[in-house]
Amino acid sequence: MFKTIVLACALVAPDECWEFRDTRGYHSSYESCRSRAYEMADDILRLHGYNLKPINFKCLKIEGANL
């Protein structure tokens, strides 16, 4: 299982960053997690009017989690 986290930073203050955590739950594969990270990045851009720029993502492996 993998948990998706996307890091986005403000364009006017690049040292101000936020972590966005997937609220849909865990993903069964890294590929699914990565796909969700790109989907989340698109949503961040759309919702924040390009004031925040997604710069990285992480798929955290969660041991012992069930779908």
PDB file of N, CA and C in Angstrom:
ATOM      1  N   MET A   1       0.825  -1.177   0.000  1.00  0.00           N
ATOM      2  CA  MET A   1       0.000   0.000   0.000  1.00  0.00           C
ATOM      3  C   MET A   1       0.879   1.254   0.000  1.00  0.00           C
ATOM      4  N   PHE A   2       0.386   2.280  -0.661  1.00  0.00           N
ATOM      5  CA  PHE A   2       1.116   3.537  -0.764  1.00  0.00           C
ATOM      6  C   PHE A   2       0.190   4.710  -0.457  1.00  0.00           C
ATOM      7  N   LYS A   3       0.728   5.694   0.229  1.00  0.00           N
ATOM      8  CA  LYS A   3       0.013   6.927   0.531  1.00  0.00           C
ATOM      9  C   LYS A   3       0.612   8.042  -0.311  1.00  0.00           C
ATOM     10  N   THR A   4      -0.233   8.845  -0.953  1.00  0.00           N
ATOM     11  CA  THR A   4       0.218   9.900  -1.856  1.00  0.00           C
ATOM     12  C   THR A   4       0.334  11.237  -1.136  1.00  0.00           C
ATOM     13  N   ILE A   5       1.487  11.893  -1.326  1.00  0.00           N
ATOM     14  CA  ILE A   5       1.720  13.235  -0.788  1.00  0.00           C
ATOM     15  C   ILE A   5       2.308  14.090  -1.911  1.00  0.00           C
ATOM     16  N   VAL A   6       1.750  15.287  -2.085  1.00  0.00           N
ATOM     17  CA  VAL A   6       2.244  16.227  -3.094  1.00  0.00           C
ATOM     18  C   VAL A   6       2.730  17.484  -2.374  1.00  0.00           C
ATOM     19  N   LEU A   7       3.900  17.958  -2.735  1.00  0.00           N
ATOM     20  CA  LEU A   7       4.466  19.183  -2.181  1.00  0.00           C
ATOM     21  C   LEU A   7       4.284  20.299  -3.207  1.00  0.00           C
ATOM     22  N   ALA A   8       3.671  21.417  -2.748  1.00  0.00           N
ATOM     23  CA  ALA A   8       3.466  22.572  -3.624  1.00  0.00           C
ATOM     24  C   ALA A   8       3.973  23.815  -2.907  1.00  0.00           C
ATOM     25  N   CYS A   9       4.626  24.698  -3.670  1.00  0.00           N
ATOM     26  CA  CYS A   9       5.199  25.917  -3.096  1.00  0.00           C
ATOM     27  C   CYS A   9       4.597  27.148  -3.769  1.00  0.00           C
ATOM     28  N   ALA A  10       4.562  28.244  -3.016  1.00  0.00           N
ATOM     29  CA  ALA A  10       4.052  29.508  -3.537  1.00  0.00           C
ATOM     30  C   ALA A  10       5.020  30.064  -4.567  1.00  0.00           C
ATOM     31  N   LEU A  11       4.479  30.584  -5.652  1.00  0.00           N
ATOM     32  CA  LEU A  11       5.341  31.156  -6.686  1.00  0.00           C
ATOM     33  C   LEU A  11       5.996  32.451  -6.230  1.00  0.00           C
ATOM     34  N   VAL A  12       5.310  33.241  -5.411  1.00  0.00           N
ATOM     35  CA  VAL A  12       5.867  34.518  -4.962  1.00  0.00           C
ATOM     36  C   VAL A  12       6.806  34.355  -3.773  1.00  0.00           C
ATOM     37  N   ALA A  13       6.716  33.214  -3.085  1.00  0.00           N
ATOM     38  CA  ALA A  13       7.588  32.947  -1.932  1.00  0.00           C
ATOM     39  C   ALA A  13       7.939  31.460  -1.951  1.00  0.00           C
ATOM     40  N   PRO A  14       8.920  31.070  -2.762  1.00  0.00           N
ATOM     41  CA  PRO A  14       9.230  29.656  -2.961  1.00  0.00           C
ATOM     42  C   PRO A  14       9.618  28.884  -1.702  1.00  0.00           C
ATOM     43  N   ASP A  15       9.928  29.591  -0.624  1.00  0.00           N
ATOM     44  CA  ASP A  15      10.263  28.897   0.613  1.00  0.00           C
ATOM     45  C   ASP A  15       9.013  28.568   1.443  1.00  0.00           C
ATOM     46  N   GLU A  16       7.839  28.993   0.965  1.00  0.00           N
ATOM     47  CA  GLU A  16       6.569  28.668   1.614  1.00  0.00           C
ATOM     48  C   GLU A  16       5.921  27.521   0.854  1.00  0.00           C
ATOM     49  N   CYS A  17       5.926  26.351   1.488  1.00  0.00           N
ATOM     50  CA  CYS A  17       5.422  25.149   0.826  1.00  0.00           C
ATOM     51  C   CYS A  17       4.404  24.443   1.706  1.00  0.00           C
ATOM     52  N   TRP A  18       3.544  23.682   1.059  1.00  0.00           N
ATOM     53  CA  TRP A  18       2.511  22.923   1.748  1.00  0.00           C
ATOM     54  C   TRP A  18       2.498  21.494   1.236  1.00  0.00           C
ATOM     55  N   GLU A  19       2.180  20.581   2.154  1.00  0.00           N
ATOM     56  CA  GLU A  19       1.991  19.178   1.789  1.00  0.00           C
ATOM     57  C   GLU A  19       0.499  18.930   1.614  1.00  0.00           C
ATOM     58  N   PHE A  20       0.157  18.319   0.500  1.00  0.00           N
ATOM     59  CA  PHE A  20      -1.219  17.901   0.245  1.00  0.00           C
ATOM     60  C   PHE A  20      -1.243  16.383   0.319  1.00  0.00           C
ATOM     61  N   ARG A  21      -2.093  15.861   1.195  1.00  0.00           N
ATOM     62  CA  ARG A  21      -2.186  14.417   1.395  1.00  0.00           C
ATOM     63  C   ARG A  21      -3.479  13.907   0.782  1.00  0.00           C
ATOM     64  N   ASP A  22      -3.382  12.801   0.107  1.00  0.00           N
ATOM     65  CA  ASP A  22      -4.537  12.196  -0.550  1.00  0.00           C
ATOM     66  C   ASP A  22      -5.557  11.750   0.487  1.00  0.00           C
ATOM     67  N   THR A  23      -6.796  12.190   0.333  1.00  0.00           N
ATOM     68  CA  THR A  23      -7.862  11.799   1.261  1.00  0.00           C
ATOM     69  C   THR A  23      -8.678  10.626   0.747  1.00  0.00           C
ATOM     70  N   ARG A  24      -8.312  10.092  -0.397  1.00  0.00           N
ATOM     71  CA  ARG A  24      -9.045   8.956  -0.965  1.00  0.00           C
ATOM     72  C   ARG A  24      -8.575   7.616  -0.408  1.00  0.00           C
ATOM     73  N   GLY A  25      -7.523   7.638   0.371  1.00  0.00           N
ATOM     74  CA  GLY A  25      -7.035   6.394   0.947  1.00  0.00           C
ATOM     75  C   GLY A  25      -5.741   5.937   0.294  1.00  0.00           C
ATOM     76  N   TYR A  26      -5.382   4.711   0.596  1.00  0.00           N
ATOM     77  CA  TYR A  26      -4.127   4.141   0.113  1.00  0.00           C
ATOM     78  C   TYR A  26      -4.289   3.558  -1.286  1.00  0.00           C
ATOM     79  N   HIS A  27      -3.156   3.430  -1.974  1.00  0.00           N
ATOM     80  CA  HIS A  27      -3.136   2.865  -3.319  1.00  0.00           C
ATOM     81  C   HIS A  27      -2.386   1.542  -3.289  1.00  0.00           C
ATOM     82  N   SER A  28      -2.847   0.606  -4.089  1.00  0.00           N
ATOM     83  CA  SER A  28      -2.288  -0.745  -4.038  1.00  0.00           C
ATOM     84  C   SER A  28      -0.941  -0.868  -4.739  1.00  0.00           C
ATOM     85  N   SER A  29      -0.620   0.059  -5.631  1.00  0.00           N
ATOM     86  CA  SER A  29       0.656  -0.025  -6.350  1.00  0.00           C
ATOM     87  C   SER A  29       1.300   1.356  -6.443  1.00  0.00           C
ATOM     88  N   TYR A  30       2.602   1.358  -6.689  1.00  0.00           N
ATOM     89  CA  TYR A  30       3.319   2.619  -6.859  1.00  0.00           C
ATOM     90  C   TYR A  30       2.783   3.366  -8.080  1.00  0.00           C
ATOM     91  N   GLU A  31       2.466   2.651  -9.147  1.00  0.00           N
ATOM     92  CA  GLU A  31       1.971   3.280 -10.367  1.00  0.00           C
ATOM     93  C   GLU A  31       0.653   3.999 -10.118  1.00  0.00           C
ATOM     94  N   SER A  32      -0.223   3.380  -9.341  1.00  0.00           N
ATOM     95  CA  SER A  32      -1.496   4.006  -8.995  1.00  0.00           C
ATOM     96  C   SER A  32      -1.268   5.245  -8.141  1.00  0.00           C
ATOM     97  N   CYS A  33      -0.347   5.162  -7.214  1.00  0.00           N
ATOM     98  CA  CYS A  33       0.005   6.295  -6.351  1.00  0.00           C
ATOM     99  C   CYS A  33       0.570   7.444  -7.188  1.00  0.00           C
ATOM    100  N   ARG A  34       1.459   7.131  -8.093  1.00  0.00           N
ATOM    101  CA  ARG A  34       2.063   8.161  -8.947  1.00  0.00           C
ATOM    102  C   ARG A  34       1.005   8.829  -9.822  1.00  0.00           C
ATOM    103  N   SER A  35       0.098   8.043 -10.361  1.00  0.00           N
ATOM    104  CA  SER A  35      -0.982   8.581 -11.179  1.00  0.00           C
ATOM    105  C   SER A  35      -1.852   9.534 -10.364  1.00  0.00           C
ATOM    106  N   ARG A  36      -2.144   9.162  -9.136  1.00  0.00           N
ATOM    107  CA  ARG A  36      -2.942  10.011  -8.254  1.00  0.00           C
ATOM    108  C   ARG A  36      -2.183  11.296  -7.924  1.00  0.00           C
ATOM    109  N   ALA A  37      -0.877  11.229  -7.762  1.00  0.00           N
ATOM    110  CA  ALA A  37      -0.075  12.426  -7.481  1.00  0.00           C
ATOM    111  C   ALA A  37      -0.183  13.430  -8.628  1.00  0.00           C
ATOM    112  N   TYR A  38      -0.141  12.949  -9.868  1.00  0.00           N
ATOM    113  CA  TYR A  38      -0.277  13.847 -11.018  1.00  0.00           C
ATOM    114  C   TYR A  38      -1.680  14.431 -11.084  1.00  0.00           C
ATOM    115  N   GLU A  39      -2.673  13.639 -10.739  1.00  0.00           N
ATOM    116  CA  GLU A  39      -4.049  14.127 -10.699  1.00  0.00           C
ATOM    117  C   GLU A  39      -4.188  15.213  -9.626  1.00  0.00           C
ATOM    118  N   MET A  40      -3.610  14.970  -8.462  1.00  0.00           N
ATOM    119  CA  MET A  40      -3.649  15.959  -7.391  1.00  0.00           C
ATOM    120  C   MET A  40      -2.924  17.241  -7.799  1.00  0.00           C
ATOM    121  N   ALA A  41      -1.795  17.116  -8.468  1.00  0.00           N
ATOM    122  CA  ALA A  41      -1.039  18.293  -8.920  1.00  0.00           C
ATOM    123  C   ALA A  41      -1.886  19.133  -9.867  1.00  0.00           C
ATOM    124  N   ASP A  42      -2.598  18.490 -10.786  1.00  0.00           N
ATOM    125  CA  ASP A  42      -3.488  19.217 -11.698  1.00  0.00           C
ATOM    126  C   ASP A  42      -4.579  19.948 -10.925  1.00  0.00           C
ATOM    127  N   ASP A  43      -5.142  19.284  -9.909  1.00  0.00           N
ATOM    128  CA  ASP A  43      -6.183  19.903  -9.095  1.00  0.00           C
ATOM    129  C   ASP A  43      -5.639  21.088  -8.301  1.00  0.00           C
ATOM    130  N   ILE A  44      -4.440  20.961  -7.775  1.00  0.00           N
ATOM    131  CA  ILE A  44      -3.824  22.066  -7.030  1.00  0.00           C
ATOM    132  C   ILE A  44      -3.671  23.284  -7.933  1.00  0.00           C
ATOM    133  N   LEU A  45      -3.189  23.080  -9.140  1.00  0.00           N
ATOM    134  CA  LEU A  45      -3.041  24.186 -10.092  1.00  0.00           C
ATOM    135  C   LEU A  45      -4.387  24.808 -10.424  1.00  0.00           C
ATOM    136  N   ARG A  46      -5.385  23.973 -10.635  1.00  0.00           N
ATOM    137  CA  ARG A  46      -6.712  24.472 -10.994  1.00  0.00           C
ATOM    138  C   ARG A  46      -7.356  25.236  -9.836  1.00  0.00           C
ATOM    139  N   LEU A  47      -7.270  24.713  -8.630  1.00  0.00           N
ATOM    140  CA  LEU A  47      -7.952  25.314  -7.484  1.00  0.00           C
ATOM    141  C   LEU A  47      -7.253  26.556  -6.938  1.00  0.00           C
ATOM    142  N   HIS A  48      -5.947  26.631  -7.089  1.00  0.00           N
ATOM    143  CA  HIS A  48      -5.201  27.748  -6.522  1.00  0.00           C
ATOM    144  C   HIS A  48      -4.783  28.776  -7.564  1.00  0.00           C
ATOM    145  N   GLY A  49      -5.350  28.694  -8.741  1.00  0.00           N
ATOM    146  CA  GLY A  49      -5.130  29.720  -9.755  1.00  0.00           C
ATOM    147  C   GLY A  49      -3.672  29.958 -10.092  1.00  0.00           C
ATOM    148  N   TYR A  50      -2.891  28.929 -10.094  1.00  0.00           N
ATOM    149  CA  TYR A  50      -1.480  29.010 -10.445  1.00  0.00           C
ATOM    150  C   TYR A  50      -0.661  29.844  -9.453  1.00  0.00           C
ATOM    151  N   ASN A  51      -1.196  30.059  -8.237  1.00  0.00           N
ATOM    152  CA  ASN A  51      -0.411  30.706  -7.179  1.00  0.00           C
ATOM    153  C   ASN A  51       0.512  29.705  -6.499  1.00  0.00           C
ATOM    154  N   LEU A  52       0.141  28.432  -6.558  1.00  0.00           N
ATOM    155  CA  LEU A  52       0.967  27.361  -6.005  1.00  0.00           C
ATOM    156  C   LEU A  52       1.453  26.484  -7.141  1.00  0.00           C
ATOM    157  N   LYS A  53       2.682  26.046  -7.024  1.00  0.00           N
ATOM    158  CA  LYS A  53       3.252  25.169  -8.045  1.00  0.00           C
ATOM    159  C   LYS A  53       3.634  23.846  -7.392  1.00  0.00           C
ATOM    160  N   PRO A  54       2.994  22.742  -7.818  1.00  0.00           N
ATOM    161  CA  PRO A  54       3.421  21.431  -7.324  1.00  0.00           C
ATOM    162  C   PRO A  54       4.847  21.169  -7.792  1.00  0.00           C
ATOM    163  N   ILE A  55       5.725  20.831  -6.859  1.00  0.00           N
ATOM    164  CA  ILE A  55       7.128  20.660  -7.238  1.00  0.00           C
ATOM    165  C   ILE A  55       7.632  19.235  -7.064  1.00  0.00           C
ATOM    166  N   ASN A  56       6.920  18.433  -6.257  1.00  0.00           N
ATOM    167  CA  ASN A  56       7.384  17.069  -6.032  1.00  0.00           C
ATOM    168  C   ASN A  56       6.243  16.243  -5.459  1.00  0.00           C
ATOM    169  N   PHE A  57       6.404  14.924  -5.522  1.00  0.00           N
ATOM    170  CA  PHE A  57       5.442  14.045  -4.879  1.00  0.00           C
ATOM    171  C   PHE A  57       6.189  12.898  -4.230  1.00  0.00           C
ATOM    172  N   LYS A  58       5.497  12.254  -3.317  1.00  0.00           N
ATOM    173  CA  LYS A  58       6.084  11.110  -2.635  1.00  0.00           C
ATOM    174  C   LYS A  58       5.006  10.050  -2.482  1.00  0.00           C
ATOM    175  N   CYS A  59       5.383   8.820  -2.727  1.00  0.00           N
ATOM    176  CA  CYS A  59       4.512   7.679  -2.470  1.00  0.00           C
ATOM    177  C   CYS A  59       5.115   6.922  -1.294  1.00  0.00           C
ATOM    178  N   LEU A  60       4.511   7.133  -0.119  1.00  0.00           N
ATOM    179  CA  LEU A  60       5.015   6.492   1.092  1.00  0.00           C
ATOM    180  C   LEU A  60       4.489   5.068   1.186  1.00  0.00           C
ATOM    181  N   LYS A  61       5.407   4.133   1.340  1.00  0.00           N
ATOM    182  CA  LYS A  61       4.997   2.744   1.501  1.00  0.00           C
ATOM    183  C   LYS A  61       4.472   2.559   2.920  1.00  0.00           C
ATOM    184  N   ILE A  62       3.253   2.050   3.028  1.00  0.00           N
ATOM    185  CA  ILE A  62       2.598   1.823   4.305  1.00  0.00           C
ATOM    186  C   ILE A  62       2.531   0.316   4.536  1.00  0.00           C
ATOM    187  N   GLU A  63       3.198  -0.120   5.573  1.00  0.00           N
ATOM    188  CA  GLU A  63       3.207  -1.554   5.903  1.00  0.00           C
ATOM    189  C   GLU A  63       1.947  -1.909   6.707  1.00  0.00           C
ATOM    190  N   GLY A  64       1.366  -3.053   6.390  1.00  0.00           N
ATOM    191  CA  GLY A  64       0.242  -3.570   7.152  1.00  0.00           C
ATOM    192  C   GLY A  64      -1.079  -2.879   6.890  1.00  0.00           C
ATOM    193  N   ALA A  65      -1.179  -2.041   5.862  1.00  0.00           N
ATOM    194  CA  ALA A  65      -2.430  -1.355   5.553  1.00  0.00           C
ATOM    195  C   ALA A  65      -3.262  -2.211   4.606  1.00  0.00           C
ATOM    196  N   ASN A  66      -4.558  -2.137   4.770  1.00  0.00           N
ATOM    197  CA  ASN A  66      -5.489  -2.850   3.895  1.00  0.00           C
ATOM    198  C   ASN A  66      -6.320  -1.843   3.146  1.00  0.00           C
ATOM    199  N   LEU A  67      -6.757  -2.218   1.932  1.00  0.00           N
ATOM    200  CA  LEU A  67      -7.616  -1.328   1.163  1.00  0.00           C
ATOM    201  C   LEU A  67      -9.000  -1.283   1.747  1.00  0.00           C
TER     202      LEU A  67
END
